[in-house]
Amino acid sequence: MQFKKYTKQRNRSIQGLRSFKDTLPKNIKKIIIKKGHIFSETLNNWKYIVGDNLFKFCYPKKFKDSNKFGVSTLVVMVKRGHEVDLEYSKKEIKDKMNNFFGYNVVENLKFSSFDYEIINQNSENPKKANVTNNKYQKQIKEVKNEKIKKSLIELTKVFKQK
């Protein structure tokens, strides 16, 4: 491979196929490494960090890194009714996260509650699902190509299940 020197973004580059991380500018790489790494590792190891009991009721939503105006904060979504359990284990979660990364990553935890039952009730409305199915059923029957007609019918079955 030949090396090019003095390009705009970096001092040298490799011609040919490159990995995605090599094509990004240096400033963007720093941001991704700084912020994205912490949140992705937190998501991957959330069960280990909070334990089996709390894992069923909460998940991390976003991570705000520290700057000169504020401290680093992890926002956690909690199922309604389990906020107190998470509040009592707040210090334990911060300690486990900081030990996992090896340095002081999280200084503050914020909790945001959500109502799981309301979300499920809205998505499972059988009246609306049948109305939309009947609305498009006539149009599907008018399709002349049999393969397309079968695939559309299967697609509506998948939407019914969801």
N, C-alpha and C. Protein backbone atom coordinates (compact mmCIF):
# COMPACT_ATOMS: atom_id res chain seq x y z
N MET A 1 0.82 -1.18 0.00
CA MET A 1 0.00 0.00 0.00
C MET A 1 0.86 1.24 0.00
N GLN A 2 0.38 2.26 -0.64
CA GLN A 2 1.11 3.52 -0.68
C GLN A 2 0.54 4.47 0.35
N PHE A 3 1.41 5.29 0.89
CA PHE A 3 0.98 6.27 1.88
C PHE A 3 0.96 7.65 1.25
N LYS A 4 -0.14 8.37 1.44
CA LYS A 4 -0.23 9.76 1.01
C LYS A 4 0.13 10.65 2.18
N LYS A 5 0.84 11.70 1.92
CA LYS A 5 1.21 12.60 3.00
C LYS A 5 0.53 13.95 2.80
N TYR A 6 0.29 14.62 3.91
CA TYR A 6 -0.22 15.99 3.93
C TYR A 6 -1.61 16.11 3.30
N THR A 7 -2.54 15.31 3.75
CA THR A 7 -3.93 15.50 3.35
C THR A 7 -4.57 16.47 4.33
N LYS A 8 -5.80 16.86 4.08
CA LYS A 8 -6.44 17.89 4.89
C LYS A 8 -6.71 17.45 6.32
N GLN A 9 -7.16 16.22 6.54
CA GLN A 9 -7.60 15.83 7.87
C GLN A 9 -6.51 15.18 8.71
N ARG A 10 -5.56 14.55 8.11
CA ARG A 10 -4.53 13.88 8.88
C ARG A 10 -3.20 13.97 8.14
N ASN A 11 -2.14 13.69 8.83
CA ASN A 11 -0.82 13.83 8.24
C ASN A 11 -0.55 12.80 7.16
N ARG A 12 -1.07 11.60 7.34
CA ARG A 12 -0.87 10.58 6.32
C ARG A 12 -2.09 9.68 6.29
N SER A 13 -2.34 9.06 5.15
CA SER A 13 -3.48 8.16 5.03
C SER A 13 -3.08 6.98 4.17
N ILE A 14 -3.85 5.91 4.30
CA ILE A 14 -3.58 4.69 3.56
C ILE A 14 -4.55 4.64 2.39
N GLN A 15 -4.01 4.38 1.20
CA GLN A 15 -4.89 4.23 0.05
C GLN A 15 -5.49 2.83 0.06
N GLY A 16 -6.66 2.71 -0.49
CA GLY A 16 -7.34 1.43 -0.52
C GLY A 16 -8.49 1.41 0.46
N LEU A 17 -8.92 0.23 0.83
CA LEU A 17 -10.03 0.10 1.77
C LEU A 17 -9.61 0.51 3.16
N ARG A 18 -10.47 1.29 3.81
CA ARG A 18 -10.20 1.74 5.17
C ARG A 18 -11.38 1.37 6.06
N SER A 19 -11.12 1.24 7.33
CA SER A 19 -12.22 1.02 8.25
C SER A 19 -12.95 2.34 8.47
N PHE A 20 -14.17 2.25 8.97
CA PHE A 20 -14.99 3.44 9.15
C PHE A 20 -14.36 4.43 10.11
N LYS A 21 -13.75 3.92 11.18
CA LYS A 21 -13.18 4.83 12.17
C LYS A 21 -12.00 5.62 11.61
N ASP A 22 -11.31 5.07 10.61
CA ASP A 22 -10.19 5.79 10.02
C ASP A 22 -10.64 6.90 9.08
N THR A 23 -11.86 6.83 8.58
CA THR A 23 -12.34 7.86 7.66
C THR A 23 -12.92 9.07 8.37
N LEU A 24 -13.20 8.95 9.68
CA LEU A 24 -13.76 10.07 10.42
C LEU A 24 -12.70 11.11 10.76
N PRO A 25 -13.10 12.38 10.82
CA PRO A 25 -12.15 13.41 11.26
C PRO A 25 -11.75 13.21 12.72
N LYS A 26 -10.61 13.76 13.10
CA LYS A 26 -10.08 13.56 14.45
C LYS A 26 -11.00 14.11 15.52
N ASN A 27 -11.63 15.26 15.28
CA ASN A 27 -12.51 15.87 16.29
C ASN A 27 -13.70 14.97 16.59
N ILE A 28 -14.28 14.37 15.56
CA ILE A 28 -15.44 13.50 15.75
C ILE A 28 -15.02 12.22 16.47
N LYS A 29 -13.85 11.70 16.16
CA LYS A 29 -13.36 10.51 16.85
C LYS A 29 -13.25 10.75 18.35
N LYS A 30 -12.75 11.93 18.72
CA LYS A 30 -12.60 12.24 20.15
C LYS A 30 -13.96 12.27 20.84
N ILE A 31 -14.97 12.85 20.18
CA ILE A 31 -16.30 12.94 20.78
C ILE A 31 -16.90 11.55 20.94
N ILE A 32 -16.78 10.72 19.91
CA ILE A 32 -17.34 9.37 19.97
C ILE A 32 -16.66 8.54 21.05
N ILE A 33 -15.35 8.63 21.12
CA ILE A 33 -14.61 7.87 22.12
C ILE A 33 -14.95 8.35 23.52
N LYS A 34 -15.10 9.66 23.69
CA LYS A 34 -15.34 10.24 25.00
C LYS A 34 -16.74 9.93 25.52
N LYS A 35 -17.77 10.13 24.71
CA LYS A 35 -19.14 10.02 25.19
C LYS A 35 -19.80 8.70 24.81
N GLY A 36 -19.61 8.25 23.60
CA GLY A 36 -20.31 7.07 23.13
C GLY A 36 -19.83 5.80 23.80
N HIS A 37 -18.59 5.73 24.12
CA HIS A 37 -18.01 4.54 24.73
C HIS A 37 -18.62 4.27 26.10
N ILE A 38 -18.77 5.30 26.89
CA ILE A 38 -19.29 5.13 28.25
C ILE A 38 -20.72 4.63 28.22
N PHE A 39 -21.56 5.25 27.39
CA PHE A 39 -22.97 4.86 27.34
C PHE A 39 -23.14 3.46 26.76
N SER A 40 -22.38 3.12 25.72
CA SER A 40 -22.52 1.78 25.14
C SER A 40 -22.05 0.69 26.10
N GLU A 41 -20.98 0.93 26.81
CA GLU A 41 -20.50 -0.04 27.80
C GLU A 41 -21.48 -0.16 28.96
N THR A 42 -22.11 0.96 29.33
CA THR A 42 -23.12 0.91 30.39
C THR A 42 -24.31 0.07 29.95
N LEU A 43 -24.76 0.25 28.72
CA LEU A 43 -25.87 -0.54 28.20
C LEU A 43 -25.53 -2.03 28.17
N ASN A 44 -24.34 -2.35 27.71
CA ASN A 44 -23.95 -3.76 27.60
C ASN A 44 -23.83 -4.44 28.96
N ASN A 45 -23.43 -3.71 29.98
CA ASN A 45 -23.18 -4.31 31.28
C ASN A 45 -24.17 -3.84 32.34
N TRP A 46 -25.35 -3.39 31.92
CA TRP A 46 -26.33 -2.86 32.86
C TRP A 46 -26.79 -3.90 33.86
N LYS A 47 -26.95 -5.14 33.43
CA LYS A 47 -27.41 -6.20 34.32
C LYS A 47 -26.39 -6.44 35.44
N TYR A 48 -25.12 -6.39 35.10
CA TYR A 48 -24.07 -6.56 36.10
C TYR A 48 -24.04 -5.38 37.06
N ILE A 49 -24.25 -4.17 36.55
CA ILE A 49 -24.12 -2.97 37.37
C ILE A 49 -25.24 -2.86 38.40
N VAL A 50 -26.50 -3.08 37.99
CA VAL A 50 -27.62 -2.90 38.92
C VAL A 50 -28.07 -4.18 39.59
N GLY A 51 -27.75 -5.33 39.04
CA GLY A 51 -28.18 -6.59 39.62
C GLY A 51 -29.44 -7.12 38.96
N ASP A 52 -29.76 -8.37 39.23
CA ASP A 52 -30.90 -9.03 38.57
C ASP A 52 -32.24 -8.43 38.97
N ASN A 53 -32.39 -8.04 40.24
CA ASN A 53 -33.68 -7.53 40.70
C ASN A 53 -34.05 -6.20 40.05
N LEU A 54 -33.12 -5.27 40.03
CA LEU A 54 -33.40 -3.95 39.47
C LEU A 54 -33.34 -3.93 37.94
N PHE A 55 -32.68 -4.90 37.35
CA PHE A 55 -32.55 -4.96 35.89
C PHE A 55 -33.92 -5.07 35.21
N LYS A 56 -34.87 -5.72 35.87
CA LYS A 56 -36.21 -5.92 35.30
C LYS A 56 -37.01 -4.63 35.24
N PHE A 57 -36.68 -3.64 36.06
CA PHE A 57 -37.50 -2.45 36.20
C PHE A 57 -36.88 -1.17 35.66
N CYS A 58 -35.62 -1.19 35.26
CA CYS A 58 -34.99 0.06 34.84
C CYS A 58 -33.98 -0.19 33.72
N TYR A 59 -33.68 0.89 32.99
CA TYR A 59 -32.66 0.85 31.96
C TYR A 59 -32.10 2.26 31.76
N PRO A 60 -30.84 2.38 31.34
CA PRO A 60 -30.26 3.71 31.14
C PRO A 60 -30.82 4.36 29.88
N LYS A 61 -31.15 5.64 29.97
CA LYS A 61 -31.72 6.36 28.84
C LYS A 61 -30.67 7.18 28.11
N LYS A 62 -29.90 8.00 28.86
CA LYS A 62 -28.85 8.79 28.22
C LYS A 62 -27.78 9.15 29.24
N PHE A 63 -26.64 9.55 28.70
CA PHE A 63 -25.50 9.92 29.53
C PHE A 63 -25.06 11.32 29.14
N LYS A 64 -24.99 12.20 30.13
CA LYS A 64 -24.50 13.56 29.91
C LYS A 64 -23.13 13.66 30.55
N ASP A 65 -22.13 13.98 29.74
CA ASP A 65 -20.77 14.07 30.24
C ASP A 65 -20.57 15.41 30.96
N SER A 66 -19.59 15.45 31.83
CA SER A 66 -19.35 16.67 32.60
C SER A 66 -18.74 17.75 31.71
N ASN A 67 -19.07 18.98 32.03
CA ASN A 67 -18.45 20.14 31.39
C ASN A 67 -18.27 21.20 32.46
N LYS A 68 -17.92 22.41 32.07
CA LYS A 68 -17.65 23.42 33.10
C LYS A 68 -18.91 23.92 33.79
N PHE A 69 -20.09 23.59 33.26
CA PHE A 69 -21.33 24.04 33.89
C PHE A 69 -22.02 22.96 34.72
N GLY A 70 -21.72 21.70 34.48
CA GLY A 70 -22.40 20.64 35.22
C GLY A 70 -21.55 19.40 35.38
N VAL A 71 -22.08 18.46 36.16
CA VAL A 71 -21.39 17.22 36.43
C VAL A 71 -21.90 16.12 35.50
N SER A 72 -21.19 15.02 35.42
CA SER A 72 -21.62 13.91 34.57
C SER A 72 -22.82 13.23 35.20
N THR A 73 -23.86 12.99 34.37
CA THR A 73 -25.13 12.48 34.86
C THR A 73 -25.59 11.34 33.99
N LEU A 74 -26.11 10.30 34.62
CA LEU A 74 -26.73 9.19 33.91
C LEU A 74 -28.22 9.24 34.20
N VAL A 75 -29.03 9.32 33.13
CA VAL A 75 -30.48 9.35 33.27
C VAL A 75 -30.99 7.93 33.10
N VAL A 76 -31.75 7.45 34.10
CA VAL A 76 -32.23 6.08 34.13
C VAL A 76 -33.76 6.09 34.08
N MET A 77 -34.34 5.30 33.17
CA MET A 77 -35.78 5.14 33.10
C MET A 77 -36.19 4.04 34.07
N VAL A 78 -37.21 4.33 34.91
CA VAL A 78 -37.65 3.40 35.94
C VAL A 78 -39.15 3.16 35.78
N LYS A 79 -39.54 1.90 35.88
CA LYS A 79 -40.96 1.56 35.83
C LYS A 79 -41.64 2.13 37.07
N ARG A 80 -42.82 2.74 36.86
CA ARG A 80 -43.54 3.39 37.95
C ARG A 80 -43.79 2.42 39.09
N GLY A 81 -43.50 2.88 40.31
CA GLY A 81 -43.68 2.06 41.50
C GLY A 81 -42.38 1.50 42.04
N HIS A 82 -41.31 1.56 41.26
CA HIS A 82 -40.03 0.98 41.69
C HIS A 82 -38.96 2.07 41.88
N GLU A 83 -39.38 3.33 41.94
CA GLU A 83 -38.43 4.42 42.09
C GLU A 83 -37.71 4.37 43.44
N VAL A 84 -38.44 3.98 44.47
CA VAL A 84 -37.86 3.95 45.82
C VAL A 84 -36.75 2.90 45.90
N ASP A 85 -36.97 1.74 45.28
CA ASP A 85 -35.94 0.69 45.28
C ASP A 85 -34.66 1.19 44.64
N LEU A 86 -34.81 1.90 43.55
CA LEU A 86 -33.64 2.40 42.84
C LEU A 86 -32.98 3.55 43.61
N GLU A 87 -33.79 4.35 44.27
CA GLU A 87 -33.26 5.47 45.07
C GLU A 87 -32.38 4.96 46.21
N TYR A 88 -32.79 3.87 46.84
CA TYR A 88 -32.00 3.31 47.94
C TYR A 88 -30.68 2.70 47.45
N SER A 89 -30.65 2.23 46.24
CA SER A 89 -29.41 1.63 45.71
C SER A 89 -28.64 2.59 44.81
N LYS A 90 -28.93 3.87 44.89
CA LYS A 90 -28.28 4.89 44.06
C LYS A 90 -26.77 4.93 44.26
N LYS A 91 -26.33 4.97 45.50
CA LYS A 91 -24.89 5.04 45.81
C LYS A 91 -24.18 3.78 45.35
N GLU A 92 -24.83 2.66 45.52
CA GLU A 92 -24.25 1.38 45.11
C GLU A 92 -24.05 1.32 43.59
N ILE A 93 -25.02 1.84 42.84
CA ILE A 93 -24.93 1.85 41.37
C ILE A 93 -23.80 2.76 40.92
N LYS A 94 -23.68 3.95 41.54
CA LYS A 94 -22.60 4.87 41.19
C LYS A 94 -21.23 4.24 41.47
N ASP A 95 -21.10 3.59 42.62
CA ASP A 95 -19.84 2.95 42.98
C ASP A 95 -19.48 1.83 42.00
N LYS A 96 -20.47 1.02 41.64
CA LYS A 96 -20.20 -0.08 40.70
C LYS A 96 -19.80 0.44 39.33
N MET A 97 -20.47 1.51 38.87
CA MET A 97 -20.11 2.08 37.55
C MET A 97 -18.70 2.65 37.57
N ASN A 98 -18.37 3.38 38.62
CA ASN A 98 -17.04 3.98 38.71
C ASN A 98 -15.96 2.91 38.83
N ASN A 99 -16.24 1.82 39.56
CA ASN A 99 -15.29 0.72 39.66
C ASN A 99 -15.16 -0.02 38.33
N PHE A 100 -16.26 -0.15 37.61
CA PHE A 100 -16.23 -0.85 36.33
C PHE A 100 -15.35 -0.13 35.32
N PHE A 101 -15.45 1.21 35.25
CA PHE A 101 -14.66 1.97 34.29
C PHE A 101 -13.27 2.31 34.81
N GLY A 102 -13.07 2.24 36.12
CA GLY A 102 -11.75 2.50 36.68
C GLY A 102 -11.49 3.94 37.05
N TYR A 103 -12.41 4.83 36.77
CA TYR A 103 -12.28 6.21 37.18
C TYR A 103 -13.67 6.78 37.44
N ASN A 104 -13.75 8.01 37.93
CA ASN A 104 -15.01 8.61 38.33
C ASN A 104 -15.80 9.04 37.09
N VAL A 105 -16.67 8.16 36.60
CA VAL A 105 -17.44 8.41 35.38
C VAL A 105 -18.73 9.13 35.69
N VAL A 106 -19.48 8.64 36.66
CA VAL A 106 -20.80 9.17 36.98
C VAL A 106 -20.76 9.83 38.34
N GLU A 107 -21.20 11.07 38.39
CA GLU A 107 -21.27 11.79 39.66
C GLU A 107 -22.71 11.93 40.14
N ASN A 108 -23.67 11.79 39.22
CA ASN A 108 -25.06 12.01 39.58
C ASN A 108 -25.94 11.02 38.81
N LEU A 109 -26.99 10.53 39.44
CA LEU A 109 -27.99 9.69 38.79
C LEU A 109 -29.33 10.39 38.85
N LYS A 110 -30.01 10.47 37.71
CA LYS A 110 -31.36 11.03 37.68
C LYS A 110 -32.31 9.93 37.24
N PHE A 111 -33.49 9.92 37.83
CA PHE A 111 -34.47 8.90 37.51
C PHE A 111 -35.67 9.53 36.82
N SER A 112 -36.13 8.87 35.79
CA SER A 112 -37.32 9.29 35.07
C SER A 112 -38.24 8.09 35.01
N SER A 113 -39.46 8.25 35.51
CA SER A 113 -40.35 7.09 35.58
C SER A 113 -41.26 7.03 34.35
N PHE A 114 -41.67 5.82 34.00
CA PHE A 114 -42.60 5.61 32.90
C PHE A 114 -43.63 4.59 33.34
N ASP A 115 -44.82 4.67 32.74
CA ASP A 115 -45.91 3.76 33.09
C ASP A 115 -45.99 2.70 32.01
N TYR A 116 -45.57 1.51 32.34
CA TYR A 116 -45.47 0.42 31.37
C TYR A 116 -46.83 -0.04 30.87
N GLU A 117 -47.84 -0.06 31.72
CA GLU A 117 -49.16 -0.58 31.34
C GLU A 117 -49.85 0.33 30.34
N ILE A 118 -49.70 1.63 30.46
CA ILE A 118 -50.34 2.56 29.52
C ILE A 118 -49.73 2.39 28.13
N ILE A 119 -48.44 2.19 28.04
CA ILE A 119 -47.79 2.02 26.74
C ILE A 119 -48.33 0.77 26.05
N ASN A 120 -48.49 -0.33 26.78
CA ASN A 120 -49.01 -1.56 26.19
C ASN A 120 -50.47 -1.43 25.78
N GLN A 121 -51.28 -0.71 26.55
CA GLN A 121 -52.69 -0.57 26.21
C GLN A 121 -52.87 0.24 24.94
N ASN A 122 -52.06 1.27 24.72
CA ASN A 122 -52.18 2.08 23.52
C ASN A 122 -51.78 1.32 22.27
N SER A 123 -50.77 0.48 22.37
CA SER A 123 -50.30 -0.24 21.19
C SER A 123 -51.22 -1.40 20.82
N GLU A 124 -51.98 -1.91 21.77
CA GLU A 124 -52.87 -3.04 21.49
C GLU A 124 -54.32 -2.57 21.45
N ASN A 125 -54.68 -1.85 20.40
CA ASN A 125 -56.05 -1.39 20.24
C ASN A 125 -56.65 -2.17 19.09
N PRO A 126 -57.45 -3.22 19.37
CA PRO A 126 -57.92 -4.11 18.31
C PRO A 126 -58.87 -3.43 17.33
N LYS A 127 -59.63 -2.45 17.76
CA LYS A 127 -60.58 -1.80 16.86
C LYS A 127 -59.86 -1.09 15.73
N LYS A 128 -58.82 -0.34 16.05
CA LYS A 128 -58.09 0.40 15.03
C LYS A 128 -57.35 -0.54 14.09
N ALA A 129 -56.80 -1.63 14.61
CA ALA A 129 -56.08 -2.57 13.76
C ALA A 129 -57.03 -3.20 12.73
N ASN A 130 -58.25 -3.54 13.13
CA ASN A 130 -59.20 -4.12 12.20
C ASN A 130 -59.67 -3.11 11.17
N VAL A 131 -59.85 -1.86 11.56
CA VAL A 131 -60.29 -0.83 10.63
C VAL A 131 -59.26 -0.61 9.54
N THR A 132 -57.99 -0.51 9.90
CA THR A 132 -56.97 -0.30 8.89
C THR A 132 -56.83 -1.52 8.00
N ASN A 133 -57.01 -2.70 8.57
CA ASN A 133 -56.93 -3.92 7.78
C ASN A 133 -58.05 -3.94 6.74
N ASN A 134 -59.29 -3.61 7.15
CA ASN A 134 -60.40 -3.58 6.21
C ASN A 134 -60.23 -2.49 5.17
N LYS A 135 -59.63 -1.39 5.55
CA LYS A 135 -59.43 -0.28 4.64
C LYS A 135 -58.54 -0.69 3.46
N TYR A 136 -57.45 -1.41 3.76
CA TYR A 136 -56.51 -1.80 2.72
C TYR A 136 -56.81 -3.18 2.12
N GLN A 137 -57.72 -3.90 2.71
CA GLN A 137 -58.02 -5.24 2.22
C GLN A 137 -58.57 -5.20 0.80
N LYS A 138 -59.42 -4.25 0.48
CA LYS A 138 -59.98 -4.12 -0.87
C LYS A 138 -58.88 -3.81 -1.88
N GLN A 139 -57.96 -2.95 -1.51
CA GLN A 139 -56.87 -2.58 -2.41
C GLN A 139 -55.93 -3.76 -2.64
N ILE A 140 -55.72 -4.57 -1.62
CA ILE A 140 -54.86 -5.74 -1.77
C ILE A 140 -55.49 -6.75 -2.71
N LYS A 141 -56.82 -6.91 -2.63
CA LYS A 141 -57.51 -7.86 -3.51
C LYS A 141 -57.45 -7.44 -4.97
N GLU A 142 -57.33 -6.15 -5.24
CA GLU A 142 -57.28 -5.64 -6.61
C GLU A 142 -55.92 -5.84 -7.27
N VAL A 143 -54.89 -6.18 -6.50
CA VAL A 143 -53.56 -6.40 -7.06
C VAL A 143 -53.58 -7.66 -7.92
N LYS A 144 -53.04 -7.57 -9.13
CA LYS A 144 -53.11 -8.69 -10.07
C LYS A 144 -51.96 -9.68 -9.89
N ASN A 145 -50.81 -9.23 -9.48
CA ASN A 145 -49.66 -10.11 -9.30
C ASN A 145 -49.84 -10.91 -8.00
N GLU A 146 -49.83 -12.23 -8.11
CA GLU A 146 -50.11 -13.11 -6.97
C GLU A 146 -49.01 -13.06 -5.91
N LYS A 147 -47.76 -12.95 -6.34
CA LYS A 147 -46.65 -12.90 -5.38
C LYS A 147 -46.73 -11.65 -4.51
N ILE A 148 -47.03 -10.53 -5.15
CA ILE A 148 -47.13 -9.28 -4.41
C ILE A 148 -48.33 -9.33 -3.46
N LYS A 149 -49.43 -9.92 -3.93
CA LYS A 149 -50.63 -10.02 -3.11
C LYS A 149 -50.36 -10.87 -1.87
N LYS A 150 -49.67 -11.99 -2.03
CA LYS A 150 -49.35 -12.86 -0.89
C LYS A 150 -48.42 -12.15 0.10
N SER A 151 -47.45 -11.44 -0.43
CA SER A 151 -46.51 -10.75 0.46
C SER A 151 -47.19 -9.62 1.23
N LEU A 152 -48.13 -8.93 0.60
CA LEU A 152 -48.87 -7.88 1.31
C LEU A 152 -49.76 -8.46 2.40
N ILE A 153 -50.37 -9.59 2.12
CA ILE A 153 -51.21 -10.25 3.13
C ILE A 153 -50.35 -10.69 4.33
N GLU A 154 -49.17 -11.24 4.06
CA GLU A 154 -48.27 -11.63 5.15
C GLU A 154 -47.80 -10.41 5.94
N LEU A 155 -47.58 -9.31 5.25
CA LEU A 155 -47.16 -8.07 5.92
C LEU A 155 -48.25 -7.57 6.86
N THR A 156 -49.51 -7.64 6.44
CA THR A 156 -50.61 -7.21 7.32
C THR A 156 -50.73 -8.13 8.53
N LYS A 157 -50.42 -9.42 8.36
CA LYS A 157 -50.46 -10.34 9.50
C LYS A 157 -49.40 -9.97 10.53
N VAL A 158 -48.22 -9.57 10.05
CA VAL A 158 -47.15 -9.18 10.96
C VAL A 158 -47.55 -7.92 11.73
N PHE A 159 -48.17 -6.95 11.04
CA PHE A 159 -48.61 -5.73 11.72
C PHE A 159 -49.73 -6.02 12.72
N LYS A 160 -50.56 -7.00 12.45
CA LYS A 160 -51.61 -7.37 13.39
C LYS A 160 -51.01 -7.90 14.68
N GLN A 161 -49.93 -8.70 14.56
CA GLN A 161 -49.31 -9.27 15.73
C GLN A 161 -48.67 -8.20 16.61
N LYS A 162 -48.12 -7.18 15.98
CA LYS A 162 -47.47 -6.10 16.75
C LYS A 162 -48.54 -5.18 17.27
